[in-house]
Amino acid sequence: MGRRREDADYAFAVSQGVIREVYEIHGWRQRGLGDRGWEEDIDKSHKRWGFSGEVAGELAHYRITSVRHLFKKENSSPFKYVNC
């Protein structure tokens, strides 16, 4: 993830093109000891990122909403910035 992550206020958890949950982001950190899969980052120059936060109840109306229109078939990135 690039530095644009710092401008994001919310993260949408998406599975199979559908928003499953919305989180308010409190802060970012690189994946480390104790995180699932952290061993994969050892000796890599680009570490994975994670955030701390909480469920954004005020945005619950986005749950169970399709986001397929935001992704092209050839997109392979696991994240997408929208309006930030």
PDB file of N, CA and C in Angstrom:
ATOM      1  N   MET A   1       0.845  -1.171   0.000  1.00  0.00           N
ATOM      2  CA  MET A   1       0.000   0.000   0.000  1.00  0.00           C
ATOM      3  C   MET A   1       0.890   1.233   0.000  1.00  0.00           C
ATOM      4  N   GLY A   2       0.467   2.229  -0.713  1.00  0.00           N
ATOM      5  CA  GLY A   2       1.221   3.469  -0.779  1.00  0.00           C
ATOM      6  C   GLY A   2       0.847   4.438   0.330  1.00  0.00           C
ATOM      7  N   ARG A   3       1.458   5.589   0.262  1.00  0.00           N
ATOM      8  CA  ARG A   3       1.218   6.611   1.292  1.00  0.00           C
ATOM      9  C   ARG A   3      -0.220   7.131   1.287  1.00  0.00           C
ATOM     10  N   ARG A   4      -0.960   6.903   0.217  1.00  0.00           N
ATOM     11  CA  ARG A   4      -2.362   7.339   0.176  1.00  0.00           C
ATOM     12  C   ARG A   4      -3.185   6.720   1.290  1.00  0.00           C
ATOM     13  N   ARG A   5      -2.712   5.611   1.844  1.00  0.00           N
ATOM     14  CA  ARG A   5      -3.454   4.965   2.939  1.00  0.00           C
ATOM     15  C   ARG A   5      -3.708   5.937   4.078  1.00  0.00           C
ATOM     16  N   GLU A   6      -2.791   6.879   4.289  1.00  0.00           N
ATOM     17  CA  GLU A   6      -2.924   7.844   5.385  1.00  0.00           C
ATOM     18  C   GLU A   6      -4.134   8.768   5.202  1.00  0.00           C
ATOM     19  N   ASP A   7      -4.616   8.906   3.971  1.00  0.00           N
ATOM     20  CA  ASP A   7      -5.780   9.756   3.694  1.00  0.00           C
ATOM     21  C   ASP A   7      -7.106   9.017   3.850  1.00  0.00           C
ATOM     22  N   ALA A   8      -7.047   7.698   4.009  1.00  0.00           N
ATOM     23  CA  ALA A   8      -8.276   6.902   4.110  1.00  0.00           C
ATOM     24  C   ALA A   8      -8.856   6.978   5.516  1.00  0.00           C
ATOM     25  N   ASP A   9     -10.145   7.231   5.610  1.00  0.00           N
ATOM     26  CA  ASP A   9     -10.847   7.275   6.891  1.00  0.00           C
ATOM     27  C   ASP A   9     -11.532   5.953   7.212  1.00  0.00           C
ATOM     28  N   TYR A  10     -11.904   5.204   6.165  1.00  0.00           N
ATOM     29  CA  TYR A  10     -12.659   3.972   6.337  1.00  0.00           C
ATOM     30  C   TYR A  10     -12.079   2.870   5.458  1.00  0.00           C
ATOM     31  N   ALA A  11     -12.238   1.623   5.903  1.00  0.00           N
ATOM     32  CA  ALA A  11     -11.871   0.445   5.126  1.00  0.00           C
ATOM     33  C   ALA A  11     -13.117  -0.421   4.974  1.00  0.00           C
ATOM     34  N   PHE A  12     -13.358  -0.861   3.769  1.00  0.00           N
ATOM     35  CA  PHE A  12     -14.501  -1.722   3.477  1.00  0.00           C
ATOM     36  C   PHE A  12     -13.975  -3.138   3.269  1.00  0.00           C
ATOM     37  N   ALA A  13     -14.441  -4.079   4.075  1.00  0.00           N
ATOM     38  CA  ALA A  13     -14.057  -5.485   3.915  1.00  0.00           C
ATOM     39  C   ALA A  13     -14.964  -6.081   2.844  1.00  0.00           C
ATOM     40  N   VAL A  14     -14.347  -6.542   1.762  1.00  0.00           N
ATOM     41  CA  VAL A  14     -15.106  -7.035   0.611  1.00  0.00           C
ATOM     42  C   VAL A  14     -14.771  -8.496   0.356  1.00  0.00           C
ATOM     43  N   SER A  15     -15.788  -9.291   0.125  1.00  0.00           N
ATOM     44  CA  SER A  15     -15.616 -10.693  -0.240  1.00  0.00           C
ATOM     45  C   SER A  15     -16.553 -10.996  -1.390  1.00  0.00           C
ATOM     46  N   GLN A  16     -16.008 -11.554  -2.454  1.00  0.00           N
ATOM     47  CA  GLN A  16     -16.774 -11.921  -3.643  1.00  0.00           C
ATOM     48  C   GLN A  16     -17.595 -10.753  -4.174  1.00  0.00           C
ATOM     49  N   GLY A  17     -16.984  -9.552  -4.155  1.00  0.00           N
ATOM     50  CA  GLY A  17     -17.617  -8.371  -4.735  1.00  0.00           C
ATOM     51  C   GLY A  17     -18.686  -7.715  -3.888  1.00  0.00           C
ATOM     52  N   VAL A  18     -18.833  -8.153  -2.624  1.00  0.00           N
ATOM     53  CA  VAL A  18     -19.872  -7.623  -1.741  1.00  0.00           C
ATOM     54  C   VAL A  18     -19.222  -7.099  -0.461  1.00  0.00           C
ATOM     55  N   ILE A  19     -19.644  -5.902  -0.019  1.00  0.00           N
ATOM     56  CA  ILE A  19     -19.132  -5.328   1.222  1.00  0.00           C
ATOM     57  C   ILE A  19     -19.695  -6.129   2.398  1.00  0.00           C
ATOM     58  N   ARG A  20     -18.791  -6.667   3.215  1.00  0.00           N
ATOM     59  CA  ARG A  20     -19.203  -7.475   4.369  1.00  0.00           C
ATOM     60  C   ARG A  20     -19.197  -6.668   5.665  1.00  0.00           C
ATOM     61  N   GLU A  21     -18.274  -5.663   5.750  1.00  0.00           N
ATOM     62  CA  GLU A  21     -18.211  -4.820   6.939  1.00  0.00           C
ATOM     63  C   GLU A  21     -17.481  -3.536   6.586  1.00  0.00           C
ATOM     64  N   VAL A  22     -17.717  -2.481   7.365  1.00  0.00           N
ATOM     65  CA  VAL A  22     -17.054  -1.187   7.184  1.00  0.00           C
ATOM     66  C   VAL A  22     -16.377  -0.824   8.504  1.00  0.00           C
ATOM     67  N   TYR A  23     -15.111  -0.408   8.416  1.00  0.00           N
ATOM     68  CA  TYR A  23     -14.330  -0.065   9.601  1.00  0.00           C
ATOM     69  C   TYR A  23     -13.854   1.375   9.533  1.00  0.00           C
ATOM     70  N   GLU A  24     -13.876   2.057  10.656  1.00  0.00           N
ATOM     71  CA  GLU A  24     -13.251   3.366  10.776  1.00  0.00           C
ATOM     72  C   GLU A  24     -11.789   3.113  11.129  1.00  0.00           C
ATOM     73  N   ILE A  25     -10.886   3.716  10.364  1.00  0.00           N
ATOM     74  CA  ILE A  25      -9.453   3.501  10.558  1.00  0.00           C
ATOM     75  C   ILE A  25      -8.924   4.480  11.592  1.00  0.00           C
ATOM     76  N   HIS A  26      -8.240   3.946  12.607  1.00  0.00           N
ATOM     77  CA  HIS A  26      -7.614   4.789  13.635  1.00  0.00           C
ATOM     78  C   HIS A  26      -6.124   4.974  13.374  1.00  0.00           C
ATOM     79  N   GLY A  27      -5.488   3.984  12.772  1.00  0.00           N
ATOM     80  CA  GLY A  27      -4.060   4.090  12.505  1.00  0.00           C
ATOM     81  C   GLY A  27      -3.565   2.920  11.678  1.00  0.00           C
ATOM     82  N   TRP A  28      -2.372   3.078  11.098  1.00  0.00           N
ATOM     83  CA  TRP A  28      -1.763   2.061  10.248  1.00  0.00           C
ATOM     84  C   TRP A  28      -0.479   1.552  10.872  1.00  0.00           C
ATOM     85  N   ARG A  29      -0.136   0.292  10.585  1.00  0.00           N
ATOM     86  CA  ARG A  29       1.128  -0.288  11.015  1.00  0.00           C
ATOM     87  C   ARG A  29       1.512  -1.420  10.065  1.00  0.00           C
ATOM     88  N   GLN A  30       2.809  -1.673   9.980  1.00  0.00           N
ATOM     89  CA  GLN A  30       3.247  -2.798   9.170  1.00  0.00           C
ATOM     90  C   GLN A  30       2.974  -4.100   9.911  1.00  0.00           C
ATOM     91  N   ARG A  31       2.707  -5.129   9.136  1.00  0.00           N
ATOM     92  CA  ARG A  31       2.448  -6.446   9.717  1.00  0.00           C
ATOM     93  C   ARG A  31       3.703  -6.928  10.432  1.00  0.00           C
ATOM     94  N   GLY A  32       3.521  -7.530  11.596  1.00  0.00           N
ATOM     95  CA  GLY A  32       4.668  -7.976  12.366  1.00  0.00           C
ATOM     96  C   GLY A  32       4.373  -9.202  13.197  1.00  0.00           C
ATOM     97  N   LEU A  33       5.310  -9.524  14.070  1.00  0.00           N
ATOM     98  CA  LEU A  33       5.230 -10.689  14.939  1.00  0.00           C
ATOM     99  C   LEU A  33       3.858 -10.782  15.600  1.00  0.00           C
ATOM    100  N   GLY A  34       3.238 -11.934  15.468  1.00  0.00           N
ATOM    101  CA  GLY A  34       1.921 -12.151  16.055  1.00  0.00           C
ATOM    102  C   GLY A  34       0.780 -12.007  15.058  1.00  0.00           C
ATOM    103  N   ASP A  35       1.034 -11.323  13.938  1.00  0.00           N
ATOM    104  CA  ASP A  35       0.007 -11.189  12.903  1.00  0.00           C
ATOM    105  C   ASP A  35       0.002 -12.438  12.026  1.00  0.00           C
ATOM    106  N   ARG A  36      -1.151 -12.815  11.537  1.00  0.00           N
ATOM    107  CA  ARG A  36      -1.255 -13.972  10.658  1.00  0.00           C
ATOM    108  C   ARG A  36      -0.382 -13.762   9.421  1.00  0.00           C
ATOM    109  N   GLY A  37       0.460 -14.724   9.126  1.00  0.00           N
ATOM    110  CA  GLY A  37       1.299 -14.683   7.938  1.00  0.00           C
ATOM    111  C   GLY A  37       2.507 -13.774   8.012  1.00  0.00           C
ATOM    112  N   TRP A  38       2.833 -13.256   9.207  1.00  0.00           N
ATOM    113  CA  TRP A  38       3.932 -12.302   9.329  1.00  0.00           C
ATOM    114  C   TRP A  38       5.256 -12.890   8.852  1.00  0.00           C
ATOM    115  N   GLU A  39       5.409 -14.214   8.958  1.00  0.00           N
ATOM    116  CA  GLU A  39       6.660 -14.845   8.547  1.00  0.00           C
ATOM    117  C   GLU A  39       6.941 -14.640   7.058  1.00  0.00           C
ATOM    118  N   GLU A  40       5.887 -14.465   6.269  1.00  0.00           N
ATOM    119  CA  GLU A  40       6.051 -14.266   4.828  1.00  0.00           C
ATOM    120  C   GLU A  40       6.766 -12.958   4.511  1.00  0.00           C
ATOM    121  N   ASP A  41       6.746 -12.000   5.437  1.00  0.00           N
ATOM    122  CA  ASP A  41       7.361 -10.695   5.200  1.00  0.00           C
ATOM    123  C   ASP A  41       8.842 -10.649   5.568  1.00  0.00           C
ATOM    124  N   ILE A  42       9.341 -11.670   6.247  1.00  0.00           N
ATOM    125  CA  ILE A  42      10.747 -11.671   6.650  1.00  0.00           C
ATOM    126  C   ILE A  42      11.621 -11.598   5.397  1.00  0.00           C
ATOM    127  N   ASP A  43      12.587 -10.720   5.420  1.00  0.00           N
ATOM    128  CA  ASP A  43      13.544 -10.516   4.324  1.00  0.00           C
ATOM    129  C   ASP A  43      12.914  -9.929   3.057  1.00  0.00           C
ATOM    130  N   LYS A  44      11.703  -9.429   3.127  1.00  0.00           N
ATOM    131  CA  LYS A  44      11.094  -8.753   1.978  1.00  0.00           C
ATOM    132  C   LYS A  44      11.237  -7.254   2.153  1.00  0.00           C
ATOM    133  N   SER A  45      11.468  -6.560   1.049  1.00  0.00           N
ATOM    134  CA  SER A  45      11.617  -5.100   1.132  1.00  0.00           C
ATOM    135  C   SER A  45      10.265  -4.410   1.294  1.00  0.00           C
ATOM    136  N   HIS A  46       9.202  -5.023   0.798  1.00  0.00           N
ATOM    137  CA  HIS A  46       7.853  -4.443   0.911  1.00  0.00           C
ATOM    138  C   HIS A  46       7.033  -5.266   1.881  1.00  0.00           C
ATOM    139  N   LYS A  47       6.779  -4.713   3.028  1.00  0.00           N
ATOM    140  CA  LYS A  47       5.987  -5.392   4.058  1.00  0.00           C
ATOM    141  C   LYS A  47       4.497  -5.105   3.840  1.00  0.00           C
ATOM    142  N   ARG A  48       3.649  -5.986   4.341  1.00  0.00           N
ATOM    143  CA  ARG A  48       2.208  -5.757   4.283  1.00  0.00           C
ATOM    144  C   ARG A  48       1.798  -4.802   5.390  1.00  0.00           C
ATOM    145  N   TRP A  49       0.666  -4.139   5.180  1.00  0.00           N
ATOM    146  CA  TRP A  49       0.154  -3.167   6.138  1.00  0.00           C
ATOM    147  C   TRP A  49      -1.167  -3.635   6.713  1.00  0.00           C
ATOM    148  N   GLY A  50      -1.451  -3.190   7.922  1.00  0.00           N
ATOM    149  CA  GLY A  50      -2.725  -3.438   8.578  1.00  0.00           C
ATOM    150  C   GLY A  50      -3.160  -2.175   9.279  1.00  0.00           C
ATOM    151  N   PHE A  51      -4.394  -2.141   9.726  1.00  0.00           N
ATOM    152  CA  PHE A  51      -4.884  -0.949  10.423  1.00  0.00           C
ATOM    153  C   PHE A  51      -5.535  -1.348  11.730  1.00  0.00           C
ATOM    154  N   SER A  52      -5.581  -0.400  12.639  1.00  0.00           N
ATOM    155  CA  SER A  52      -6.373  -0.573  13.852  1.00  0.00           C
ATOM    156  C   SER A  52      -7.595   0.315  13.693  1.00  0.00           C
ATOM    157  N   GLY A  53      -8.695  -0.123  14.247  1.00  0.00           N
ATOM    158  CA  GLY A  53      -9.923   0.654  14.104  1.00  0.00           C
ATOM    159  C   GLY A  53     -11.087  -0.055  14.741  1.00  0.00           C
ATOM    160  N   GLU A  54     -12.279   0.364  14.347  1.00  0.00           N
ATOM    161  CA  GLU A  54     -13.499  -0.231  14.888  1.00  0.00           C
ATOM    162  C   GLU A  54     -14.578  -0.226  13.821  1.00  0.00           C
ATOM    163  N   VAL A  55     -15.576  -1.060  14.030  1.00  0.00           N
ATOM    164  CA  VAL A  55     -16.699  -1.117  13.099  1.00  0.00           C
ATOM    165  C   VAL A  55     -17.361   0.252  13.050  1.00  0.00           C
ATOM    166  N   ALA A  56     -17.618   0.728  11.844  1.00  0.00           N
ATOM    167  CA  ALA A  56     -18.244   2.041  11.635  1.00  0.00           C
ATOM    168  C   ALA A  56     -19.757   1.838  11.514  1.00  0.00           C
ATOM    169  N   GLY A  57     -20.423   1.793  12.640  1.00  0.00           N
ATOM    170  CA  GLY A  57     -21.867   1.550  12.658  1.00  0.00           C
ATOM    171  C   GLY A  57     -22.667   2.554  11.845  1.00  0.00           C
ATOM    172  N   GLU A  58     -22.181   3.802  11.771  1.00  0.00           N
ATOM    173  CA  GLU A  58     -22.891   4.831  11.011  1.00  0.00           C
ATOM    174  C   GLU A  58     -22.872   4.567   9.506  1.00  0.00           C
ATOM    175  N   LEU A  59     -22.009   3.643   9.057  1.00  0.00           N
ATOM    176  CA  LEU A  59     -21.951   3.296   7.633  1.00  0.00           C
ATOM    177  C   LEU A  59     -22.472   1.887   7.368  1.00  0.00           C
ATOM    178  N   ALA A  60     -23.248   1.363   8.297  1.00  0.00           N
ATOM    179  CA  ALA A  60     -23.791   0.004   8.170  1.00  0.00           C
ATOM    180  C   ALA A  60     -24.649  -0.152   6.920  1.00  0.00           C
ATOM    181  N   HIS A  61     -25.203   0.938   6.416  1.00  0.00           N
ATOM    182  CA  HIS A  61     -26.060   0.850   5.224  1.00  0.00           C
ATOM    183  C   HIS A  61     -25.286   0.412   3.982  1.00  0.00           C
ATOM    184  N   TYR A  62     -23.936   0.437   4.035  1.00  0.00           N
ATOM    185  CA  TYR A  62     -23.130  -0.042   2.910  1.00  0.00           C
ATOM    186  C   TYR A  62     -22.969  -1.560   2.905  1.00  0.00           C
ATOM    187  N   ARG A  63     -23.210  -2.204   4.053  1.00  0.00           N
ATOM    188  CA  ARG A  63     -23.059  -3.657   4.122  1.00  0.00           C
ATOM    189  C   ARG A  63     -23.996  -4.353   3.151  1.00  0.00           C
ATOM    190  N   ILE A  64     -23.538  -5.456   2.637  1.00  0.00           N
ATOM    191  CA  ILE A  64     -24.273  -6.289   1.677  1.00  0.00           C
ATOM    192  C   ILE A  64     -24.596  -5.485   0.410  1.00  0.00           C
ATOM    193  N   THR A  65     -23.636  -4.663  -0.010  1.00  0.00           N
ATOM    194  CA  THR A  65     -23.757  -3.866  -1.229  1.00  0.00           C
ATOM    195  C   THR A  65     -22.656  -4.299  -2.197  1.00  0.00           C
ATOM    196  N   SER A  66     -22.984  -4.408  -3.459  1.00  0.00           N
ATOM    197  CA  SER A  66     -22.008  -4.817  -4.466  1.00  0.00           C
ATOM    198  C   SER A  66     -21.042  -3.682  -4.800  1.00  0.00           C
ATOM    199  N   VAL A  67     -19.779  -4.058  -5.021  1.00  0.00           N
ATOM    200  CA  VAL A  67     -18.767  -3.103  -5.479  1.00  0.00           C
ATOM    201  C   VAL A  67     -18.146  -3.564  -6.802  1.00  0.00           C
ATOM    202  N   ARG A  68     -18.759  -4.498  -7.438  1.00  0.00           N
ATOM    203  CA  ARG A  68     -18.220  -5.043  -8.696  1.00  0.00           C
ATOM    204  C   ARG A  68     -18.026  -3.962  -9.748  1.00  0.00           C
ATOM    205  N   HIS A  69     -18.854  -2.927  -9.719  1.00  0.00           N
ATOM    206  CA  HIS A  69     -18.740  -1.850 -10.704  1.00  0.00           C
ATOM    207  C   HIS A  69     -17.456  -1.032 -10.533  1.00  0.00           C
ATOM    208  N   LEU A  70     -16.790  -1.137  -9.392  1.00  0.00           N
ATOM    209  CA  LEU A  70     -15.563  -0.380  -9.131  1.00  0.00           C
ATOM    210  C   LEU A  70     -14.304  -1.082  -9.636  1.00  0.00           C
ATOM    211  N   PHE A  71     -14.425  -2.364  -9.950  1.00  0.00           N
ATOM    212  CA  PHE A  71     -13.263  -3.152 -10.352  1.00  0.00           C
ATOM    213  C   PHE A  71     -13.401  -3.635 -11.788  1.00  0.00           C
ATOM    214  N   LYS A  72     -12.307  -3.523 -12.527  1.00  0.00           N
ATOM    215  CA  LYS A  72     -12.260  -4.094 -13.865  1.00  0.00           C
ATOM    216  C   LYS A  72     -11.797  -5.536 -13.726  1.00  0.00           C
ATOM    217  N   LYS A  73     -12.136  -6.345 -14.708  1.00  0.00           N
ATOM    218  CA  LYS A  73     -11.803  -7.758 -14.653  1.00  0.00           C
ATOM    219  C   LYS A  73     -10.301  -7.996 -14.486  1.00  0.00           C
ATOM    220  N   GLU A  74      -9.483  -7.138 -15.093  1.00  0.00           N
ATOM    221  CA  GLU A  74      -8.033  -7.342 -15.043  1.00  0.00           C
ATOM    222  C   GLU A  74      -7.382  -6.812 -13.769  1.00  0.00           C
ATOM    223  N   ASN A  75      -8.137  -6.154 -12.879  1.00  0.00           N
ATOM    224  CA  ASN A  75      -7.572  -5.677 -11.611  1.00  0.00           C
ATOM    225  C   ASN A  75      -7.155  -6.862 -10.745  1.00  0.00           C
ATOM    226  N   SER A  76      -5.925  -6.801 -10.237  1.00  0.00           N
ATOM    227  CA  SER A  76      -5.471  -7.888  -9.374  1.00  0.00           C
ATOM    228  C   SER A  76      -5.117  -7.395  -7.975  1.00  0.00           C
ATOM    229  N   SER A  77      -5.195  -6.093  -7.748  1.00  0.00           N
ATOM    230  CA  SER A  77      -4.847  -5.532  -6.450  1.00  0.00           C
ATOM    231  C   SER A  77      -5.909  -5.908  -5.411  1.00  0.00           C
ATOM    232  N   PRO A  78      -5.479  -6.243  -4.176  1.00  0.00           N
ATOM    233  CA  PRO A  78      -6.451  -6.595  -3.143  1.00  0.00           C
ATOM    234  C   PRO A  78      -7.089  -5.374  -2.474  1.00  0.00           C
ATOM    235  N   PHE A  79      -6.704  -4.166  -2.898  1.00  0.00           N
ATOM    236  CA  PHE A  79      -7.306  -2.970  -2.330  1.00  0.00           C
ATOM    237  C   PHE A  79      -7.509  -1.915  -3.413  1.00  0.00           C
ATOM    238  N   LYS A  80      -8.379  -0.962  -3.133  1.00  0.00           N
ATOM    239  CA  LYS A  80      -8.678   0.113  -4.071  1.00  0.00           C
ATOM    240  C   LYS A  80      -8.990   1.358  -3.264  1.00  0.00           C
ATOM    241  N   TYR A  81      -8.405   2.480  -3.675  1.00  0.00           N
ATOM    242  CA  TYR A  81      -8.713   3.777  -3.040  1.00  0.00           C
ATOM    243  C   TYR A  81      -9.900   4.398  -3.775  1.00  0.00           C
ATOM    244  N   VAL A  82     -10.882   4.880  -3.018  1.00  0.00           N
ATOM    245  CA  VAL A  82     -12.038   5.565  -3.587  1.00  0.00           C
ATOM    246  C   VAL A  82     -12.252   6.849  -2.792  1.00  0.00           C
ATOM    247  N   ASN A  83     -12.274   7.986  -3.482  1.00  0.00           N
ATOM    248  CA  ASN A  83     -12.520   9.295  -2.860  1.00  0.00           C
ATOM    249  C   ASN A  83     -11.523   9.647  -1.757  1.00  0.00           C
ATOM    250  N   CYS A  84     -10.277   9.295  -1.933  1.00  0.00           N
ATOM    251  CA  CYS A  84      -9.256   9.741  -0.974  1.00  0.00           C
ATOM    252  C   CYS A  84      -7.928   9.926  -1.686  1.00  0.00           C
TER     253      CYS A  84
END
